Amino acid sequence: MRLHDLDLATALIAIERLVSSGRGGNVFTCNVDHMMMLREDAAFRYAYERAALVTADGAPIVALGRLTKQPLRERVTGADLVPLLPAVAEKRGLLIALVGGAEGVADEAAEVFLAKHPRLLPPVCISPAMGFEIGGPEDAAVVRTLQEHKPDIIVVCFGAPKQELWMDRHAEALRPAVLLGAGASLDFIVSRQRRAPRLLQRLGLEWVWRLSTDFPRLWRRYLVRDARFLPLAVKEVVHVAFSRSRASDSGSLDLDLRETGDVDHVIDLDARVDSRLPRPRLRNQSVAAPLATSGRADRERASAQ
């Protein structure tokens, strides 16, 4: 699995350039839980392979990069990116859509954004029912609403792996929008949940905070599924230590600019996906036809008339 070597500032630049180029695409923030799911879910892996941008959202991943001689600049999370998007959108006249979260959360987050950025275009807010089916009638209605409003940036908060699978399915229909998978980011913005103190974040212990504040929901994720990361990481470090050349061994230092600006170093942290997993069969990628023009371009033309 490839990660783009970014810090928060260059990640924002990369997102801006995906918007301005008209290419759009999906932005995923990879944490340890994602890495474990990538080992078992072929469709999730395929969505990651097609993403335009993948950042390291997890201190253990950054540490593993350093220990395997593939250093990453820093951890870049959805919770850090989302609060910075309104300033970018306000400056450039971009329209943001907030999709997902519990009922009312997207609207509350939009109010927070507008209070801080009064010239921001009012965000499009959509909160489908929890547990809606991808490809079902409610999903189709969400896509149609987004197509009608033509947002430039869509923040998707369904939780993994659903949000990544949803984004991969509908990216073409919503192009040239940039879609960002953001998990619980809106909950943090409206204080439905509290992020870990900065000290714990810097120490790489945010997972301890989240586990302690939402144990019934998260214990299986952190104590069962994600616990398997440690032996895999140790195996990877040992493998690199006894390899003459990581690059010649696995092609891990492939250059991949992807035309997104300052995204000039791609690393490969191999999640050791079982090669026996079947490649997912390609289905219709969306329930609606692709868009030809960006919302920003449409709004500029309309204002000029």
C-alpha atoms as a PDB file:
ATOM      1  CA  MET A   1       0.000   0.000   0.000  1.00  0.00           C
ATOM      2  CA  ARG A   2       1.430   3.353  -0.985  1.00  0.00           C
ATOM      3  CA  LEU A   3       1.353   6.495   1.135  1.00  0.00           C
ATOM      4  CA  HIS A   4       2.119  10.022   0.060  1.00  0.00           C
ATOM      5  CA  ASP A   5       4.823  11.657   2.155  1.00  0.00           C
ATOM      6  CA  LEU A   6       3.125  14.865   3.285  1.00  0.00           C
ATOM      7  CA  ASP A   7       2.736  17.221   6.168  1.00  0.00           C
ATOM      8  CA  LEU A   8      -0.512  19.043   6.866  1.00  0.00           C
ATOM      9  CA  ALA A   9       0.394  22.079   4.751  1.00  0.00           C
ATOM     10  CA  THR A  10       1.419  20.090   1.686  1.00  0.00           C
ATOM     11  CA  ALA A  11      -1.643  17.855   2.013  1.00  0.00           C
ATOM     12  CA  LEU A  12      -3.822  20.961   1.740  1.00  0.00           C
ATOM     13  CA  ILE A  13      -1.813  22.092  -1.284  1.00  0.00           C
ATOM     14  CA  ALA A  14      -2.314  18.695  -2.887  1.00  0.00           C
ATOM     15  CA  ILE A  15      -6.086  18.845  -2.279  1.00  0.00           C
ATOM     16  CA  GLU A  16      -6.250  22.376  -3.702  1.00  0.00           C
ATOM     17  CA  ARG A  17      -4.433  21.242  -6.824  1.00  0.00           C
ATOM     18  CA  LEU A  18      -6.714  18.264  -7.277  1.00  0.00           C
ATOM     19  CA  VAL A  19      -9.587  20.769  -7.217  1.00  0.00           C
ATOM     20  CA  SER A  20      -7.988  23.386  -9.476  1.00  0.00           C
ATOM     21  CA  SER A  21      -6.861  20.786 -12.021  1.00  0.00           C
ATOM     22  CA  GLY A  22     -10.432  19.565 -12.436  1.00  0.00           C
ATOM     23  CA  ARG A  23      -9.262  15.997 -11.866  1.00  0.00           C
ATOM     24  CA  GLY A  24     -10.916  15.463  -8.514  1.00  0.00           C
ATOM     25  CA  GLY A  25     -10.501  12.108  -6.823  1.00  0.00           C
ATOM     26  CA  ASN A  26     -10.518  10.474  -3.419  1.00  0.00           C
ATOM     27  CA  VAL A  27      -8.367  11.387  -0.430  1.00  0.00           C
ATOM     28  CA  PHE A  28      -7.935   8.652   2.183  1.00  0.00           C
ATOM     29  CA  THR A  29      -6.240   8.966   5.568  1.00  0.00           C
ATOM     30  CA  CYS A  30      -4.757   5.583   6.452  1.00  0.00           C
ATOM     31  CA  ASN A  31      -4.575   4.491  10.067  1.00  0.00           C
ATOM     32  CA  VAL A  32      -3.635   1.177  11.677  1.00  0.00           C
ATOM     33  CA  ASP A  33      -7.228  -0.049  11.559  1.00  0.00           C
ATOM     34  CA  HIS A  34      -7.310   0.561   7.809  1.00  0.00           C
ATOM     35  CA  MET A  35      -4.077  -1.374   7.380  1.00  0.00           C
ATOM     36  CA  MET A  36      -5.555  -4.352   9.181  1.00  0.00           C
ATOM     37  CA  MET A  37      -8.750  -4.236   7.116  1.00  0.00           C
ATOM     38  CA  LEU A  38      -6.674  -4.018   3.931  1.00  0.00           C
ATOM     39  CA  ARG A  39      -5.334  -7.474   4.751  1.00  0.00           C
ATOM     40  CA  GLU A  40      -8.805  -9.002   4.658  1.00  0.00           C
ATOM     41  CA  ASP A  41     -11.009  -6.883   2.390  1.00  0.00           C
ATOM     42  CA  ALA A  42     -10.184  -6.970  -1.315  1.00  0.00           C
ATOM     43  CA  ALA A  43     -12.730  -4.282  -2.215  1.00  0.00           C
ATOM     44  CA  PHE A  44     -11.268  -1.963   0.421  1.00  0.00           C
ATOM     45  CA  ARG A  45      -7.779  -2.614  -0.928  1.00  0.00           C
ATOM     46  CA  TYR A  46      -8.958  -1.872  -4.467  1.00  0.00           C
ATOM     47  CA  ALA A  47     -10.496   1.438  -3.355  1.00  0.00           C
ATOM     48  CA  TYR A  48      -7.147   2.384  -1.811  1.00  0.00           C
ATOM     49  CA  GLU A  49      -5.314   1.534  -5.018  1.00  0.00           C
ATOM     50  CA  ARG A  50      -7.544   3.952  -6.941  1.00  0.00           C
ATOM     51  CA  ALA A  51      -7.291   6.854  -4.461  1.00  0.00           C
ATOM     52  CA  ALA A  52      -5.724  10.091  -5.679  1.00  0.00           C
ATOM     53  CA  LEU A  53      -4.069  10.817  -2.343  1.00  0.00           C
ATOM     54  CA  VAL A  54      -3.321   8.703   0.752  1.00  0.00           C
ATOM     55  CA  THR A  55      -1.909  10.227   3.936  1.00  0.00           C
ATOM     56  CA  ALA A  56      -0.577   8.536   7.059  1.00  0.00           C
ATOM     57  CA  ASP A  57      -3.201   8.903   9.793  1.00  0.00           C
ATOM     58  CA  GLY A  58      -1.567   7.100  12.679  1.00  0.00           C
ATOM     59  CA  ALA A  59       1.550   7.543  14.791  1.00  0.00           C
ATOM     60  CA  PRO A  60       2.417   3.817  14.549  1.00  0.00           C
ATOM     61  CA  ILE A  61       2.477   4.096  10.749  1.00  0.00           C
ATOM     62  CA  VAL A  62       4.781   7.124  10.880  1.00  0.00           C
ATOM     63  CA  ALA A  63       7.020   5.251  13.326  1.00  0.00           C
ATOM     64  CA  LEU A  64       7.058   2.175  11.100  1.00  0.00           C
ATOM     65  CA  GLY A  65       8.072   4.332   8.155  1.00  0.00           C
ATOM     66  CA  ARG A  66      10.991   5.707  10.138  1.00  0.00           C
ATOM     67  CA  LEU A  67      12.091   2.258  11.348  1.00  0.00           C
ATOM     68  CA  THR A  68      11.940   0.818   7.833  1.00  0.00           C
ATOM     69  CA  LYS A  69      14.010   3.672   6.365  1.00  0.00           C
ATOM     70  CA  GLN A  70      10.979   5.218   4.667  1.00  0.00           C
ATOM     71  CA  PRO A  71      10.471   8.343   6.792  1.00  0.00           C
ATOM     72  CA  LEU A  72       7.226  10.272   6.605  1.00  0.00           C
ATOM     73  CA  ARG A  73       7.062  13.985   7.371  1.00  0.00           C
ATOM     74  CA  GLU A  74       4.234  13.693   9.851  1.00  0.00           C
ATOM     75  CA  ARG A  75       0.862  12.232  10.655  1.00  0.00           C
ATOM     76  CA  VAL A  76      -1.950  13.844   8.621  1.00  0.00           C
ATOM     77  CA  THR A  77      -5.448  13.030   9.885  1.00  0.00           C
ATOM     78  CA  GLY A  78      -8.899  13.783   8.590  1.00  0.00           C
ATOM     79  CA  ALA A  79      -9.651  15.464  11.904  1.00  0.00           C
ATOM     80  CA  ASP A  80      -6.767  17.873  11.236  1.00  0.00           C
ATOM     81  CA  LEU A  81      -7.615  18.478   7.572  1.00  0.00           C
ATOM     82  CA  VAL A  82     -11.354  19.132   7.798  1.00  0.00           C
ATOM     83  CA  PRO A  83     -11.214  22.240  10.066  1.00  0.00           C
ATOM     84  CA  LEU A  84      -8.757  23.841   7.613  1.00  0.00           C
ATOM     85  CA  LEU A  85     -10.856  23.322   4.487  1.00  0.00           C
ATOM     86  CA  PRO A  86     -13.305  26.213   5.090  1.00  0.00           C
ATOM     87  CA  ALA A  87     -10.487  28.781   4.999  1.00  0.00           C
ATOM     88  CA  VAL A  88      -9.312  27.387   1.658  1.00  0.00           C
ATOM     89  CA  ALA A  89     -12.867  27.267   0.318  1.00  0.00           C
ATOM     90  CA  GLU A  90     -13.655  30.807   1.503  1.00  0.00           C
ATOM     91  CA  LYS A  91     -10.551  32.191  -0.162  1.00  0.00           C
ATOM     92  CA  ARG A  92     -11.163  30.441  -3.474  1.00  0.00           C
ATOM     93  CA  GLY A  93     -14.956  30.499  -3.633  1.00  0.00           C
ATOM     94  CA  LEU A  94     -15.297  26.727  -3.368  1.00  0.00           C
ATOM     95  CA  LEU A  95     -18.400  24.887  -2.235  1.00  0.00           C
ATOM     96  CA  ILE A  96     -18.042  22.225   0.475  1.00  0.00           C
ATOM     97  CA  ALA A  97     -20.475  19.382   1.089  1.00  0.00           C
ATOM     98  CA  LEU A  98     -20.684  17.592   4.441  1.00  0.00           C
ATOM     99  CA  VAL A  99     -22.065  14.065   4.119  1.00  0.00           C
ATOM    100  CA  GLY A 100     -22.686  11.646   6.961  1.00  0.00           C
ATOM    101  CA  GLY A 101     -22.579  11.720  10.724  1.00  0.00           C
ATOM    102  CA  ALA A 102     -25.559  11.465  13.041  1.00  0.00           C
ATOM    103  CA  GLU A 103     -28.653  13.492  12.242  1.00  0.00           C
ATOM    104  CA  GLY A 104     -27.964  17.204  12.638  1.00  0.00           C
ATOM    105  CA  VAL A 105     -24.175  16.913  12.972  1.00  0.00           C
ATOM    106  CA  ALA A 106     -23.419  18.117   9.440  1.00  0.00           C
ATOM    107  CA  ASP A 107     -25.720  21.128   9.893  1.00  0.00           C
ATOM    108  CA  GLU A 108     -24.082  22.004  13.212  1.00  0.00           C
ATOM    109  CA  ALA A 109     -20.635  21.726  11.648  1.00  0.00           C
ATOM    110  CA  ALA A 110     -21.724  23.999   8.809  1.00  0.00           C
ATOM    111  CA  GLU A 111     -22.832  26.599  11.362  1.00  0.00           C
ATOM    112  CA  VAL A 112     -19.420  26.406  13.056  1.00  0.00           C
ATOM    113  CA  PHE A 113     -17.687  26.913   9.712  1.00  0.00           C
ATOM    114  CA  LEU A 114     -19.871  29.872   8.747  1.00  0.00           C
ATOM    115  CA  ALA A 115     -19.383  31.547  12.116  1.00  0.00           C
ATOM    116  CA  LYS A 116     -15.621  31.471  11.605  1.00  0.00           C
ATOM    117  CA  HIS A 117     -15.705  32.123   7.857  1.00  0.00           C
ATOM    118  CA  PRO A 118     -18.625  34.425   7.048  1.00  0.00           C
ATOM    119  CA  ARG A 119     -17.800  34.630   3.328  1.00  0.00           C
ATOM    120  CA  LEU A 120     -17.831  30.858   2.963  1.00  0.00           C
ATOM    121  CA  LEU A 121     -20.498  29.514   0.613  1.00  0.00           C
ATOM    122  CA  PRO A 122     -23.090  27.726   2.801  1.00  0.00           C
ATOM    123  CA  PRO A 123     -22.075  24.049   2.834  1.00  0.00           C
ATOM    124  CA  VAL A 124     -24.345  21.369   1.448  1.00  0.00           C
ATOM    125  CA  CYS A 125     -25.359  19.117   4.352  1.00  0.00           C
ATOM    126  CA  ILE A 126     -26.637  15.560   3.874  1.00  0.00           C
ATOM    127  CA  SER A 127     -27.199  13.026   6.650  1.00  0.00           C
ATOM    128  CA  PRO A 128     -28.436   9.693   5.296  1.00  0.00           C
ATOM    129  CA  ALA A 129     -29.840   7.219   7.784  1.00  0.00           C
ATOM    130  CA  MET A 130     -27.294   5.204   9.706  1.00  0.00           C
ATOM    131  CA  GLY A 131     -26.905   1.835   8.041  1.00  0.00           C
ATOM    132  CA  PHE A 132     -28.106   2.947   4.609  1.00  0.00           C
ATOM    133  CA  GLU A 133     -27.190   0.537   1.825  1.00  0.00           C
ATOM    134  CA  ILE A 134     -24.577   1.539  -0.745  1.00  0.00           C
ATOM    135  CA  GLY A 135     -26.308   1.329  -4.097  1.00  0.00           C
ATOM    136  CA  GLY A 136     -29.758   1.526  -2.526  1.00  0.00           C
ATOM    137  CA  PRO A 137     -32.473   4.175  -3.055  1.00  0.00           C
ATOM    138  CA  GLU A 138     -31.276   6.485  -0.272  1.00  0.00           C
ATOM    139  CA  ASP A 139     -27.740   6.288  -1.588  1.00  0.00           C
ATOM    140  CA  ALA A 140     -28.960   7.234  -5.062  1.00  0.00           C
ATOM    141  CA  ALA A 141     -30.779  10.238  -3.591  1.00  0.00           C
ATOM    142  CA  VAL A 142     -27.592  11.399  -1.860  1.00  0.00           C
ATOM    143  CA  VAL A 143     -25.648  11.249  -5.123  1.00  0.00           C
ATOM    144  CA  ARG A 144     -28.378  13.103  -7.032  1.00  0.00           C
ATOM    145  CA  THR A 145     -28.411  15.862  -4.421  1.00  0.00           C
ATOM    146  CA  LEU A 146     -24.666  16.239  -4.672  1.00  0.00           C
ATOM    147  CA  GLN A 147     -24.823  16.337  -8.462  1.00  0.00           C
ATOM    148  CA  GLU A 148     -27.434  19.079  -8.296  1.00  0.00           C
ATOM    149  CA  HIS A 149     -25.302  21.266  -6.010  1.00  0.00           C
ATOM    150  CA  LYS A 150     -21.948  20.447  -7.668  1.00  0.00           C
ATOM    151  CA  PRO A 151     -19.673  20.855  -4.621  1.00  0.00           C
ATOM    152  CA  ASP A 152     -15.934  21.137  -5.126  1.00  0.00           C
ATOM    153  CA  ILE A 153     -14.974  19.291  -1.922  1.00  0.00           C
ATOM    154  CA  ILE A 154     -17.066  16.557  -0.297  1.00  0.00           C
ATOM    155  CA  VAL A 155     -16.293  15.536   3.285  1.00  0.00           C
ATOM    156  CA  VAL A 156     -17.561  11.973   3.798  1.00  0.00           C
ATOM    157  CA  CYS A 157     -18.125  10.730   7.354  1.00  0.00           C
ATOM    158  CA  PHE A 158     -19.533   7.202   7.295  1.00  0.00           C
ATOM    159  CA  GLY A 159     -16.637   5.496   9.055  1.00  0.00           C
ATOM    160  CA  ALA A 160     -14.336   2.874   7.539  1.00  0.00           C
ATOM    161  CA  PRO A 161     -14.591   0.880   5.404  1.00  0.00           C
ATOM    162  CA  LYS A 162     -17.999   2.154   4.305  1.00  0.00           C
ATOM    163  CA  GLN A 163     -16.896   5.711   3.494  1.00  0.00           C
ATOM    164  CA  GLU A 164     -13.961   4.545   1.347  1.00  0.00           C
ATOM    165  CA  LEU A 165     -16.122   2.032  -0.531  1.00  0.00           C
ATOM    166  CA  TRP A 166     -18.809   4.696  -1.040  1.00  0.00           C
ATOM    167  CA  MET A 167     -16.255   7.208  -2.303  1.00  0.00           C
ATOM    168  CA  ASP A 168     -14.730   4.698  -4.702  1.00  0.00           C
ATOM    169  CA  ARG A 169     -18.145   3.767  -6.083  1.00  0.00           C
ATOM    170  CA  HIS A 170     -19.261   7.335  -6.709  1.00  0.00           C
ATOM    171  CA  ALA A 171     -16.061   9.255  -7.459  1.00  0.00           C
ATOM    172  CA  GLU A 172     -16.670   9.270 -11.206  1.00  0.00           C
ATOM    173  CA  ALA A 173     -20.263  10.472 -10.872  1.00  0.00           C
ATOM    174  CA  LEU A 174     -19.139  13.302  -8.588  1.00  0.00           C
ATOM    175  CA  ARG A 175     -16.017  14.292 -10.502  1.00  0.00           C
ATOM    176  CA  PRO A 176     -14.423  16.840 -10.530  1.00  0.00           C
ATOM    177  CA  ALA A 177     -15.167  17.034  -6.803  1.00  0.00           C
ATOM    178  CA  VAL A 178     -12.479  15.963  -4.345  1.00  0.00           C
ATOM    179  CA  LEU A 179     -13.841  13.517  -1.762  1.00  0.00           C
ATOM    180  CA  LEU A 180     -12.196  13.294   1.668  1.00  0.00           C
ATOM    181  CA  GLY A 181     -12.866  10.377   4.002  1.00  0.00           C
ATOM    182  CA  ALA A 182     -13.064  11.945   7.437  1.00  0.00           C
ATOM    183  CA  GLY A 183     -14.611   9.488   9.906  1.00  0.00           C
ATOM    184  CA  ALA A 184     -15.578  11.237  13.154  1.00  0.00           C
ATOM    185  CA  SER A 185     -14.186  14.644  12.145  1.00  0.00           C
ATOM    186  CA  LEU A 186     -17.561  16.402  12.197  1.00  0.00           C
ATOM    187  CA  ASP A 187     -18.278  14.994  15.659  1.00  0.00           C
ATOM    188  CA  PHE A 188     -15.056  16.591  16.889  1.00  0.00           C
ATOM    189  CA  ILE A 189     -15.935  19.935  15.298  1.00  0.00           C
ATOM    190  CA  VAL A 190     -19.334  20.132  17.011  1.00  0.00           C
ATOM    191  CA  SER A 191     -18.017  18.628  20.278  1.00  0.00           C
ATOM    192  CA  ARG A 192     -20.120  15.472  20.089  1.00  0.00           C
ATOM    193  CA  GLN A 193     -16.810  13.760  20.732  1.00  0.00           C
ATOM    194  CA  ARG A 194     -13.591  15.169  22.188  1.00  0.00           C
ATOM    195  CA  ARG A 195     -10.199  14.665  20.601  1.00  0.00           C
ATOM    196  CA  ALA A 196      -7.298  13.588  22.747  1.00  0.00           C
ATOM    197  CA  PRO A 197      -5.196  16.348  24.333  1.00  0.00           C
ATOM    198  CA  ARG A 198      -2.341  17.548  22.138  1.00  0.00           C
ATOM    199  CA  LEU A 199       0.243  15.879  24.356  1.00  0.00           C
ATOM    200  CA  LEU A 200      -1.327  12.450  23.832  1.00  0.00           C
ATOM    201  CA  GLN A 201      -1.550  13.119  20.097  1.00  0.00           C
ATOM    202  CA  ARG A 202       2.144  14.003  19.953  1.00  0.00           C
ATOM    203  CA  LEU A 203       3.039  10.898  21.951  1.00  0.00           C
ATOM    204  CA  GLY A 204       1.057   8.706  19.578  1.00  0.00           C
ATOM    205  CA  LEU A 205      -1.444   7.783  22.285  1.00  0.00           C
ATOM    206  CA  GLU A 206      -4.637   9.216  20.838  1.00  0.00           C
ATOM    207  CA  TRP A 207      -5.942   5.664  20.474  1.00  0.00           C
ATOM    208  CA  VAL A 208      -5.742   5.260  24.267  1.00  0.00           C
ATOM    209  CA  TRP A 209      -7.898   8.354  24.705  1.00  0.00           C
ATOM    210  CA  ARG A 210     -10.465   7.202  22.165  1.00  0.00           C
ATOM    211  CA  LEU A 211     -10.619   3.732  23.697  1.00  0.00           C
ATOM    212  CA  SER A 212     -11.127   5.152  27.192  1.00  0.00           C
ATOM    213  CA  THR A 213     -13.868   7.552  26.088  1.00  0.00           C
ATOM    214  CA  ASP A 214     -15.800   5.112  23.867  1.00  0.00           C
ATOM    215  CA  PHE A 215     -14.849   1.660  25.125  1.00  0.00           C
ATOM    216  CA  PRO A 216     -18.073  -0.246  24.254  1.00  0.00           C
ATOM    217  CA  ARG A 217     -17.820   0.737  20.596  1.00  0.00           C
ATOM    218  CA  LEU A 218     -14.055   0.694  20.067  1.00  0.00           C
ATOM    219  CA  TRP A 219     -12.630  -2.085  22.244  1.00  0.00           C
ATOM    220  CA  ARG A 220     -12.815  -4.717  19.527  1.00  0.00           C
ATOM    221  CA  ARG A 221     -11.144  -2.417  17.013  1.00  0.00           C
ATOM    222  CA  TYR A 222      -8.186  -1.459  19.201  1.00  0.00           C
ATOM    223  CA  LEU A 223      -7.710  -4.539  21.382  1.00  0.00           C
ATOM    224  CA  VAL A 224      -8.482  -7.274  18.850  1.00  0.00           C
ATOM    225  CA  ARG A 225      -8.149  -6.216  15.233  1.00  0.00           C
ATOM    226  CA  ASP A 226      -5.495  -3.509  15.551  1.00  0.00           C
ATOM    227  CA  ALA A 227      -3.414  -5.478  18.059  1.00  0.00           C
ATOM    228  CA  ARG A 228      -2.270  -7.626  15.145  1.00  0.00           C
ATOM    229  CA  PHE A 229      -0.374  -4.653  13.755  1.00  0.00           C
ATOM    230  CA  LEU A 230       2.476  -4.978  16.266  1.00  0.00           C
ATOM    231  CA  PRO A 231       3.796  -8.417  15.210  1.00  0.00           C
ATOM    232  CA  LEU A 232       3.420  -7.444  11.559  1.00  0.00           C
ATOM    233  CA  ALA A 233       5.362  -4.232  12.174  1.00  0.00           C
ATOM    234  CA  VAL A 234       8.132  -6.125  13.988  1.00  0.00           C
ATOM    235  CA  LYS A 235       8.317  -8.575  11.085  1.00  0.00           C
ATOM    236  CA  GLU A 236       8.587  -5.683   8.632  1.00  0.00           C
ATOM    237  CA  VAL A 237      11.364  -3.976  10.635  1.00  0.00           C
ATOM    238  CA  VAL A 238      13.322  -7.234  10.849  1.00  0.00           C
ATOM    239  CA  HIS A 239      12.813  -7.817   7.133  1.00  0.00           C
ATOM    240  CA  VAL A 240      14.235  -4.392   6.299  1.00  0.00           C
ATOM    241  CA  ALA A 241      17.122  -4.758   8.737  1.00  0.00           C
ATOM    242  CA  PHE A 242      18.272  -7.944   7.001  1.00  0.00           C
ATOM    243  CA  SER A 243      17.655  -6.733   3.449  1.00  0.00           C
ATOM    244  CA  ARG A 244      20.492  -5.178   1.521  1.00  0.00           C
ATOM    245  CA  SER A 245      18.194  -2.790  -0.300  1.00  0.00           C
ATOM    246  CA  ARG A 246      14.578  -2.148   0.559  1.00  0.00           C
ATOM    247  CA  ALA A 247      14.073  -0.425  -2.784  1.00  0.00           C
ATOM    248  CA  SER A 248      15.443  -3.311  -4.841  1.00  0.00           C
ATOM    249  CA  ASP A 249      13.576  -5.828  -2.696  1.00  0.00           C
ATOM    250  CA  SER A 250      10.067  -4.402  -2.953  1.00  0.00           C
ATOM    251  CA  GLY A 251      10.093  -1.319  -5.152  1.00  0.00           C
ATOM    252  CA  SER A 252       9.176   0.735  -2.128  1.00  0.00           C
ATOM    253  CA  LEU A 253      10.749   3.990  -3.232  1.00  0.00           C
ATOM    254  CA  ASP A 254       8.935   4.393  -6.538  1.00  0.00           C
ATOM    255  CA  LEU A 255       8.586   8.033  -7.550  1.00  0.00           C
ATOM    256  CA  ASP A 256       4.955   8.990  -7.980  1.00  0.00           C
ATOM    257  CA  LEU A 257       4.159  12.681  -8.485  1.00  0.00           C
ATOM    258  CA  ARG A 258       0.530  12.077  -9.518  1.00  0.00           C
ATOM    259  CA  GLU A 259       0.400  15.719 -10.650  1.00  0.00           C
ATOM    260  CA  THR A 260      -0.813  16.875  -7.249  1.00  0.00           C
ATOM    261  CA  GLY A 261       1.883  19.365  -6.470  1.00  0.00           C
ATOM    262  CA  ASP A 262       4.263  18.749  -3.625  1.00  0.00           C
ATOM    263  CA  VAL A 263       3.597  15.024  -3.405  1.00  0.00           C
ATOM    264  CA  ASP A 264       7.077  14.020  -4.367  1.00  0.00           C
ATOM    265  CA  HIS A 265       7.869  10.965  -2.290  1.00  0.00           C
ATOM    266  CA  VAL A 266       5.796   7.819  -2.132  1.00  0.00           C
ATOM    267  CA  ILE A 267       6.549   5.014   0.254  1.00  0.00           C
ATOM    268  CA  ASP A 268       5.308   1.484   0.304  1.00  0.00           C
ATOM    269  CA  LEU A 269       4.356  -0.006   3.653  1.00  0.00           C
ATOM    270  CA  ASP A 270       3.369  -3.504   2.651  1.00  0.00           C
ATOM    271  CA  ALA A 271       0.228  -4.609   4.476  1.00  0.00           C
ATOM    272  CA  ARG A 272       0.920  -8.184   3.313  1.00  0.00           C
ATOM    273  CA  VAL A 273      -2.502  -8.665   1.802  1.00  0.00           C
ATOM    274  CA  ASP A 274      -3.176 -12.307   1.128  1.00  0.00           C
ATOM    275  CA  SER A 275      -2.629 -12.738  -2.616  1.00  0.00           C
ATOM    276  CA  ARG A 276      -5.332 -15.377  -2.632  1.00  0.00           C
ATOM    277  CA  LEU A 277      -8.008 -12.786  -1.974  1.00  0.00           C
ATOM    278  CA  PRO A 278     -10.080 -12.416  -5.153  1.00  0.00           C
ATOM    279  CA  ARG A 279      -9.917  -9.092  -6.943  1.00  0.00           C
ATOM    280  CA  PRO A 280     -13.353  -7.480  -6.586  1.00  0.00           C
ATOM    281  CA  ARG A 281     -15.523  -7.685  -9.666  1.00  0.00           C
ATOM    282  CA  LEU A 282     -16.030  -4.277 -11.244  1.00  0.00           C
ATOM    283  CA  ARG A 283     -19.596  -3.120 -11.031  1.00  0.00           C
ATOM    284  CA  ASN A 284     -21.218   0.110 -12.161  1.00  0.00           C
ATOM    285  CA  GLN A 285     -19.267   2.702 -10.227  1.00  0.00           C
ATOM    286  CA  SER A 286     -22.254   4.891  -9.558  1.00  0.00           C
ATOM    287  CA  VAL A 287     -26.005   5.151  -9.733  1.00  0.00           C
ATOM    288  CA  ALA A 288     -25.819   8.398 -11.662  1.00  0.00           C
ATOM    289  CA  ALA A 289     -24.046   9.795 -14.727  1.00  0.00           C
ATOM    290  CA  PRO A 290     -20.704  11.589 -14.375  1.00  0.00           C
ATOM    291  CA  LEU A 291     -20.583  15.350 -14.276  1.00  0.00           C
ATOM    292  CA  ALA A 292     -18.750  17.193 -17.031  1.00  0.00           C
ATOM    293  CA  THR A 293     -17.896  20.426 -15.239  1.00  0.00           C
ATOM    294  CA  SER A 294     -16.948  21.522 -11.761  1.00  0.00           C
ATOM    295  CA  GLY A 295     -19.295  23.366  -9.447  1.00  0.00           C
ATOM    296  CA  ARG A 296     -16.800  26.173  -9.158  1.00  0.00           C
ATOM    297  CA  ALA A 297     -16.690  26.650 -12.945  1.00  0.00           C
ATOM    298  CA  ASP A 298     -20.485  26.663 -13.130  1.00  0.00           C
ATOM    299  CA  ARG A 299     -20.734  29.283 -10.397  1.00  0.00           C
ATOM    300  CA  GLU A 300     -18.132  31.473 -12.072  1.00  0.00           C
ATOM    301  CA  ARG A 301     -20.009  31.337 -15.370  1.00  0.00           C
ATOM    302  CA  ALA A 302     -23.300  32.116 -13.643  1.00  0.00           C
ATOM    303  CA  SER A 303     -21.859  35.149 -11.852  1.00  0.00           C
ATOM    304  CA  ALA A 304     -20.445  36.447 -15.111  1.00  0.00           C
ATOM    305  CA  GLN A 305     -23.825  36.407 -16.840  1.00  0.00           C
END
